[in-house]
Protein backbone atom coordinates (compact mmCIF):
# COMPACT_ATOMS: atom_id res chain seq x y z
CA UNK A 1 -5.92 -29.09 44.90
CA UNK A 2 -5.43 -25.57 46.35
CA UNK A 3 -2.19 -23.97 45.89
CA UNK A 4 -1.98 -23.01 49.60
CA UNK A 5 -0.52 -26.42 49.67
CA UNK A 6 2.69 -27.78 47.94
CA UNK A 7 2.15 -29.17 44.77
CA UNK A 8 4.35 -32.13 44.63
CA UNK A 9 5.91 -32.95 41.26
CA UNK A 10 6.13 -36.87 40.42
CA UNK A 11 8.52 -38.39 37.76
CA UNK A 12 6.94 -40.40 35.07
CA UNK A 13 8.28 -42.43 32.54
CA UNK A 14 6.79 -42.80 29.12
CA UNK A 15 6.11 -46.61 28.68
CA UNK A 16 4.01 -46.58 25.69
CA UNK A 17 3.46 -44.21 22.59
CA UNK A 18 0.71 -44.77 19.83
CA UNK A 19 -1.44 -42.89 17.25
CA UNK A 20 -4.97 -42.53 18.25
CA UNK A 21 -5.78 -40.45 15.67
CA UNK A 22 -5.06 -37.81 12.96
CA UNK A 23 -2.45 -35.65 14.85
CA UNK A 24 -2.97 -37.56 17.94
CA UNK A 25 -0.90 -39.27 20.13
CA UNK A 26 -1.80 -41.81 23.23
CA UNK A 27 0.65 -41.74 25.76
CA UNK A 28 1.31 -44.21 28.64
CA UNK A 29 2.96 -43.03 31.77
CA UNK A 30 4.41 -45.33 34.60
CA UNK A 31 6.05 -44.21 37.75
CA UNK A 32 9.83 -43.40 37.47
CA UNK A 33 10.43 -44.80 41.17
CA UNK A 34 8.49 -47.68 43.11
CA UNK A 35 5.80 -45.59 44.59
CA UNK A 36 2.27 -46.30 43.23
CA UNK A 37 0.75 -43.37 41.10
CA UNK A 38 -2.44 -41.47 42.81
CA UNK A 39 -5.93 -43.15 42.29
CA UNK A 40 -8.03 -41.12 39.85
CA UNK A 41 -11.75 -40.41 39.03
CA UNK A 42 -13.11 -40.46 35.80
CA UNK A 43 -12.91 -36.85 34.29
CA UNK A 44 -9.68 -36.09 35.87
CA UNK A 45 -6.76 -34.70 34.58
CA UNK A 46 -2.93 -34.20 35.09
CA UNK A 47 -0.65 -31.42 35.00
CA UNK A 48 2.29 -32.44 32.50
CA UNK A 49 5.62 -30.53 32.37
CA UNK A 50 6.18 -30.61 28.63
CA UNK A 51 9.94 -30.92 27.45
CA UNK A 52 9.39 -26.93 26.11
CA UNK A 53 9.09 -25.94 29.86
CA UNK A 54 5.41 -25.07 29.56
CA UNK A 55 2.60 -26.83 31.95
CA UNK A 56 -0.15 -28.28 30.12
CA UNK A 57 -3.18 -30.36 31.59
CA UNK A 58 -4.08 -33.64 29.83
CA UNK A 59 -7.28 -35.49 30.84
CA UNK A 60 -6.88 -38.97 31.77
CA UNK A 61 -8.60 -41.19 29.40
CA UNK A 62 -7.34 -44.49 30.83
CA UNK A 63 -9.64 -46.94 33.22
CA UNK A 64 -10.35 -45.08 36.23
CA UNK A 65 -10.29 -48.83 37.77
CA UNK A 66 -6.41 -49.35 36.90
CA UNK A 67 -4.19 -46.52 38.44
CA UNK A 68 -1.16 -48.39 37.51
CA UNK A 69 -0.66 -46.46 34.75
CA UNK A 70 -1.75 -43.01 33.30
CA UNK A 71 -3.11 -42.72 29.80
CA UNK A 72 -3.31 -39.24 28.20
CA UNK A 73 -4.24 -38.32 24.38
CA UNK A 74 -2.50 -35.19 22.98
CA UNK A 75 -3.42 -33.36 19.93
CA UNK A 76 -0.98 -31.25 17.71
CA UNK A 77 -2.02 -27.83 17.83
CA UNK A 78 -0.36 -26.31 15.09
CA UNK A 79 -1.62 -22.67 16.36
CA UNK A 80 -1.26 -23.35 19.83
CA UNK A 81 1.71 -22.05 21.89
CA UNK A 82 3.77 -24.84 21.44
CA UNK A 83 3.10 -27.48 24.28
CA UNK A 84 1.23 -29.97 22.24
CA UNK A 85 4.14 -29.79 19.79
CA UNK A 86 6.70 -30.27 22.39
CA UNK A 87 4.76 -33.14 23.56
CA UNK A 88 4.82 -34.52 19.96
CA UNK A 89 8.11 -33.90 18.60
CA UNK A 90 10.33 -34.18 22.02
CA UNK A 91 8.77 -36.94 23.94
CA UNK A 92 9.59 -40.86 23.19
CA UNK A 93 9.44 -44.02 24.91
CA UNK A 94 11.58 -43.82 27.85
CA UNK A 95 11.07 -40.15 28.45
CA UNK A 96 10.66 -38.82 31.62
CA UNK A 97 8.06 -36.39 32.43
CA UNK A 98 7.25 -34.46 35.67
CA UNK A 99 3.38 -34.35 36.62
CA UNK A 100 0.98 -33.37 39.77
CA UNK A 101 -1.35 -35.71 41.02
CA UNK A 102 -4.62 -35.79 39.56
CA UNK A 103 -7.31 -33.03 39.73
CA UNK A 104 -11.21 -33.50 38.89
CA UNK A 105 -13.10 -30.14 37.85
CA UNK A 106 -15.11 -32.55 35.43
CA UNK A 107 -16.50 -35.52 37.61
CA UNK A 108 -19.73 -37.53 36.99
CA UNK A 109 -23.00 -36.81 38.57
CA UNK A 110 -23.47 -39.81 41.36
CA UNK A 111 -27.17 -39.40 41.28
CA UNK A 112 -27.64 -39.18 37.27
CA UNK A 113 -30.24 -41.74 35.82
CA UNK A 114 -28.74 -41.30 32.24
CA UNK A 115 -25.63 -39.46 31.06
CA UNK A 116 -25.45 -37.97 27.59
CA UNK A 117 -22.03 -37.00 26.33
CA UNK A 118 -21.27 -34.93 23.41
CA UNK A 119 -17.85 -34.88 22.48
CA UNK A 120 -15.91 -32.97 19.88
CA UNK A 121 -12.69 -33.64 18.78
CA UNK A 122 -9.91 -34.18 21.28
CA UNK A 123 -13.12 -33.63 23.50
CA UNK A 124 -13.17 -37.32 23.79
CA UNK A 125 -10.49 -37.80 25.84
CA UNK A 126 -12.06 -37.23 29.69
CA UNK A 127 -15.22 -38.60 28.71
CA UNK A 128 -13.35 -41.81 27.42
CA UNK A 129 -12.80 -42.20 31.01
CA UNK A 130 -16.21 -41.56 32.16
CA UNK A 131 -17.81 -44.10 29.57
CA UNK A 132 -15.64 -46.81 30.76
CA UNK A 133 -16.52 -46.16 34.43
CA UNK A 134 -20.32 -46.09 33.68
CA UNK A 135 -20.06 -49.02 31.38
CA UNK A 136 -18.26 -51.23 34.10
CA UNK A 137 -20.77 -50.40 36.68
CA UNK A 138 -23.79 -50.91 34.11
CA UNK A 139 -25.12 -47.36 34.19
CA UNK A 140 -27.30 -46.06 31.23
CA UNK A 141 -24.94 -43.57 29.15
CA UNK A 142 -24.99 -42.64 25.37
CA UNK A 143 -22.22 -40.45 23.38
CA UNK A 144 -22.60 -38.28 20.39
CA UNK A 145 -19.11 -37.83 18.90
CA UNK A 146 -18.39 -34.78 16.28
CA UNK A 147 -14.99 -35.08 14.59
CA UNK A 148 -14.03 -34.25 10.82
CA UNK A 149 -13.76 -37.87 9.87
CA UNK A 150 -13.60 -41.09 11.54
CA UNK A 151 -9.58 -40.80 10.87
CA UNK A 152 -9.77 -37.89 13.31
CA UNK A 153 -11.87 -39.62 15.99
CA UNK A 154 -9.64 -40.75 18.72
CA UNK A 155 -10.92 -44.13 20.41
CA UNK A 156 -13.60 -43.94 18.14
CA UNK A 157 -13.67 -48.11 17.38
CA UNK A 158 -12.83 -48.92 21.01
CA UNK A 159 -16.06 -46.82 22.28
CA UNK A 160 -18.51 -48.57 19.53
CA UNK A 161 -16.69 -51.99 20.49
CA UNK A 162 -17.69 -50.84 23.75
CA UNK A 163 -21.43 -49.32 23.72
CA UNK A 164 -22.41 -50.04 20.18
CA UNK A 165 -25.72 -48.53 19.50
CA UNK A 166 -24.81 -46.40 22.41
CA UNK A 167 -21.99 -44.42 20.18
CA UNK A 168 -23.35 -42.16 17.53
CA UNK A 169 -20.67 -40.69 15.14
CA UNK A 170 -21.68 -37.28 13.46
CA UNK A 171 -18.72 -37.24 11.05
CA UNK A 172 -18.52 -34.09 8.76
CA UNK A 173 -16.30 -31.15 7.81
CA UNK A 174 -19.49 -28.93 9.08
CA UNK A 175 -21.07 -29.12 11.92
CA UNK A 176 -24.52 -31.64 11.31
CA UNK A 177 -25.44 -32.45 15.01
CA UNK A 178 -28.84 -31.12 15.90
CA UNK A 179 -28.39 -30.30 19.32
CA UNK A 180 -31.49 -28.81 20.22
CA UNK A 181 -33.53 -31.84 18.86
CA UNK A 182 -31.03 -34.17 20.73
CA UNK A 183 -31.43 -32.50 23.96
CA UNK A 184 -35.27 -32.07 23.48
CA UNK A 185 -35.67 -35.74 23.44
CA UNK A 186 -33.39 -36.70 26.34
CA UNK A 187 -34.82 -38.76 29.10
CA UNK A 188 -35.86 -37.45 32.21
CA UNK A 189 -33.03 -37.19 34.83
CA UNK A 190 -30.64 -37.04 31.96
CA UNK A 191 -27.09 -35.25 33.28
CA UNK A 192 -25.38 -33.91 30.25
CA UNK A 193 -21.56 -33.69 29.85
CA UNK A 194 -19.65 -31.63 26.76
CA UNK A 195 -16.15 -30.95 25.78
CA UNK A 196 -14.90 -30.14 22.41
CA UNK A 197 -14.05 -26.77 20.45
CA UNK A 198 -15.80 -23.42 21.63
CA UNK A 199 -18.38 -23.57 18.41
CA UNK A 200 -19.57 -26.78 19.81
CA UNK A 201 -19.81 -25.80 23.35
CA UNK A 202 -21.59 -22.50 22.84
CA UNK A 203 -24.08 -24.47 20.63
CA UNK A 204 -24.57 -27.01 23.31
CA UNK A 205 -24.77 -24.28 26.29
CA UNK A 206 -27.22 -22.42 24.27
CA UNK A 207 -29.65 -25.65 23.69
CA UNK A 208 -29.27 -26.49 27.27
CA UNK A 209 -30.06 -23.12 28.78
CA UNK A 210 -33.69 -24.38 30.10
CA UNK A 211 -31.99 -27.37 31.59
CA UNK A 212 -31.35 -27.17 35.56
CA UNK A 213 -27.68 -26.19 35.86
CA UNK A 214 -26.78 -28.90 37.89
CA UNK A 215 -27.83 -31.46 35.07
CA UNK A 216 -25.14 -29.56 32.52
CA UNK A 217 -21.60 -30.20 32.84
CA UNK A 218 -18.65 -28.48 30.82
CA UNK A 219 -15.07 -29.08 30.49
CA UNK A 220 -13.26 -26.18 28.83
CA UNK A 221 -9.85 -26.47 26.95
CA UNK A 222 -9.73 -22.33 26.67
CA UNK A 223 -12.10 -20.03 28.13
CA UNK A 224 -15.29 -18.61 25.94
CA UNK A 225 -15.90 -15.67 24.54
CA UNK A 226 -17.39 -13.77 27.85
CA UNK A 227 -17.88 -9.83 29.10
CA UNK A 228 -16.96 -9.33 32.80
CA UNK A 229 -17.95 -6.34 34.93
CA UNK A 230 -15.58 -3.42 34.73
CA UNK A 231 -12.46 -4.01 36.94
CA UNK A 232 -12.37 -2.19 40.32
CA UNK A 233 -9.42 -1.49 42.67
CA UNK A 234 -9.20 -4.09 45.91
CA UNK A 235 -6.67 -4.79 48.35
CA UNK A 236 -5.41 -8.49 49.12
CA UNK A 237 -4.23 -9.51 52.69
CA UNK A 238 -2.11 -12.72 52.53
CA UNK A 239 -2.59 -14.17 56.06
CA UNK A 240 0.43 -16.14 56.49
CA UNK A 241 3.32 -13.56 55.19
CA UNK A 242 1.35 -10.71 56.86
CA UNK A 243 1.38 -8.72 53.48
CA UNK A 244 -1.32 -6.52 52.51
CA UNK A 245 -1.15 -5.44 48.60
CA UNK A 246 -3.28 -3.28 46.14
CA UNK A 247 -4.81 -4.70 43.01
CA UNK A 248 -5.16 -1.84 40.43
CA UNK A 249 -7.96 -2.26 37.61
CA UNK A 250 -5.07 -2.83 35.09
CA UNK A 251 -3.59 -5.76 37.00
CA UNK A 252 -4.87 -9.36 37.92
CA UNK A 253 -4.48 -10.77 41.37
CA UNK A 254 -1.63 -13.13 40.11
CA UNK A 255 0.29 -10.98 38.55
CA UNK A 256 0.47 -8.75 41.60
CA UNK A 257 1.21 -11.85 43.87
CA UNK A 258 4.23 -12.39 41.34
CA UNK A 259 5.25 -8.58 41.20
CA UNK A 260 5.87 -9.17 45.09
CA UNK A 261 7.54 -12.40 45.31
CA UNK A 262 4.85 -14.94 45.86
CA UNK A 263 4.69 -17.69 43.96
CA UNK A 264 1.49 -19.41 43.07
CA UNK A 265 1.53 -22.35 40.45
CA UNK A 266 -0.25 -21.46 37.44
CA UNK A 267 -0.91 -22.61 33.69
CA UNK A 268 -3.83 -21.54 31.50
CA UNK A 269 -4.47 -18.08 33.17
CA UNK A 270 -7.99 -18.29 31.66
CA UNK A 271 -9.90 -19.66 34.77
CA UNK A 272 -10.28 -23.15 32.84
CA UNK A 273 -7.49 -25.48 34.18
CA UNK A 274 -7.98 -24.84 38.09
CA UNK A 275 -3.92 -24.72 38.98
CA UNK A 276 -4.05 -21.46 40.34
CA UNK A 277 -7.09 -22.50 43.01
CA UNK A 278 -6.23 -20.79 46.20
CA UNK A 279 -8.20 -20.55 49.66
CA UNK A 280 -9.99 -17.79 50.30
CA UNK A 281 -10.45 -17.04 54.11
CA UNK A 282 -12.37 -13.67 54.18
CA UNK A 283 -13.68 -11.43 51.66
CA UNK A 284 -16.61 -11.74 48.79
CA UNK A 285 -15.21 -13.16 45.55
CA UNK A 286 -16.17 -11.92 41.92
CA UNK A 287 -15.87 -15.46 40.11
CA UNK A 288 -14.78 -15.47 36.72
CA UNK A 289 -13.32 -18.61 36.16
CA UNK A 290 -15.27 -21.89 34.21
CA UNK A 291 -14.85 -24.32 36.83
CA UNK A 292 -16.54 -23.42 40.14
CA UNK A 293 -19.91 -24.81 40.71
CA UNK A 294 -22.83 -22.46 41.84
CA UNK A 295 -22.55 -23.66 45.22
CA UNK A 296 -18.75 -23.41 45.40
CA UNK A 297 -19.17 -19.69 43.93
CA UNK A 298 -21.64 -18.91 46.89
CA UNK A 299 -19.77 -20.33 49.52
CA UNK A 300 -16.27 -18.39 48.20
CA UNK A 301 -13.96 -20.80 49.89
CA UNK A 302 -11.60 -20.65 47.34
CA UNK A 303 -10.91 -18.71 43.70
CA UNK A 304 -9.04 -19.10 40.76
CA UNK A 305 -6.74 -15.87 41.16
CA UNK A 306 -5.43 -15.69 37.70
CA UNK A 307 -8.66 -14.14 36.74
CA UNK A 308 -11.14 -13.85 39.65
CA UNK A 309 -11.22 -10.57 41.90
CA UNK A 310 -12.68 -9.20 45.06
CA UNK A 311 -16.42 -7.94 45.38
CA UNK A 312 -15.33 -6.67 48.49
CA UNK A 313 -12.77 -3.80 49.32
CA UNK A 314 -10.39 -6.42 50.89
CA UNK A 315 -9.83 -10.28 50.36
CA UNK A 316 -7.91 -12.45 52.51
CA UNK A 317 -6.06 -15.20 51.18
CA UNK A 318 -4.24 -18.17 52.70
CA UNK A 319 -0.71 -17.04 51.52
């Protein structure tokens, strides 16, 4: 969903809270009014307004065939910015929460002959829905699940009951999964999906560097370490408002928009959540997000204004 459109906030009620793993809660959300919830596809997430006032993204981990309720799993992040702590400490059954409709930047590939999942810790949440969808359709899949212990692995028992030998646990305080060996032996036509902590993601990305890019899919919770090209000054034209603004090297496009009273929905401000995606009408983009595909980057029909910049002297946005 692009931020040139109004994002409708829905009110939902927390109808169930249960422990999914150590420091992890599973919440079920139902409509607070009589309108049905929007359908979703496996890999989708929703924006949730935490009681602390922070907006956070949580993957939908329920069965995509049943949109009568949404299910999310939230790990308490002791070193986080407070959103997960608020969801753990300030939410109870019956609480009302504001959400935005599902968006999916981590979809299943329709042409995969086999799906290989590598999950680390709370990274199981989008993969949980993906596996349910594939299993219901009779498709080939396998999961390699890395966690400190079985008690830290949300949905492990449920997934084993569903897939049996298709689920391989790697429970240890230290990484023990041989990613290179696993990917070397993957069947032809396999699509790889990975979500988890930065160390695991980096290892999988390195091991899959020789794979076709269209068969490798990552869901980032935080931006990985990276080096961007030097920032350059550029102009942004806002087509609907008629404003032309200058974006200096030391400011982000999102910061300049806010400074001039242009409100754009945002959350992570690292290019990993997609909340600030904005339609591009003209100009060349320097994409610095971790969401858009190669084809989407080439087309430059939208950009994440929190991190991306212009390659051309001026860029025109539908704002």
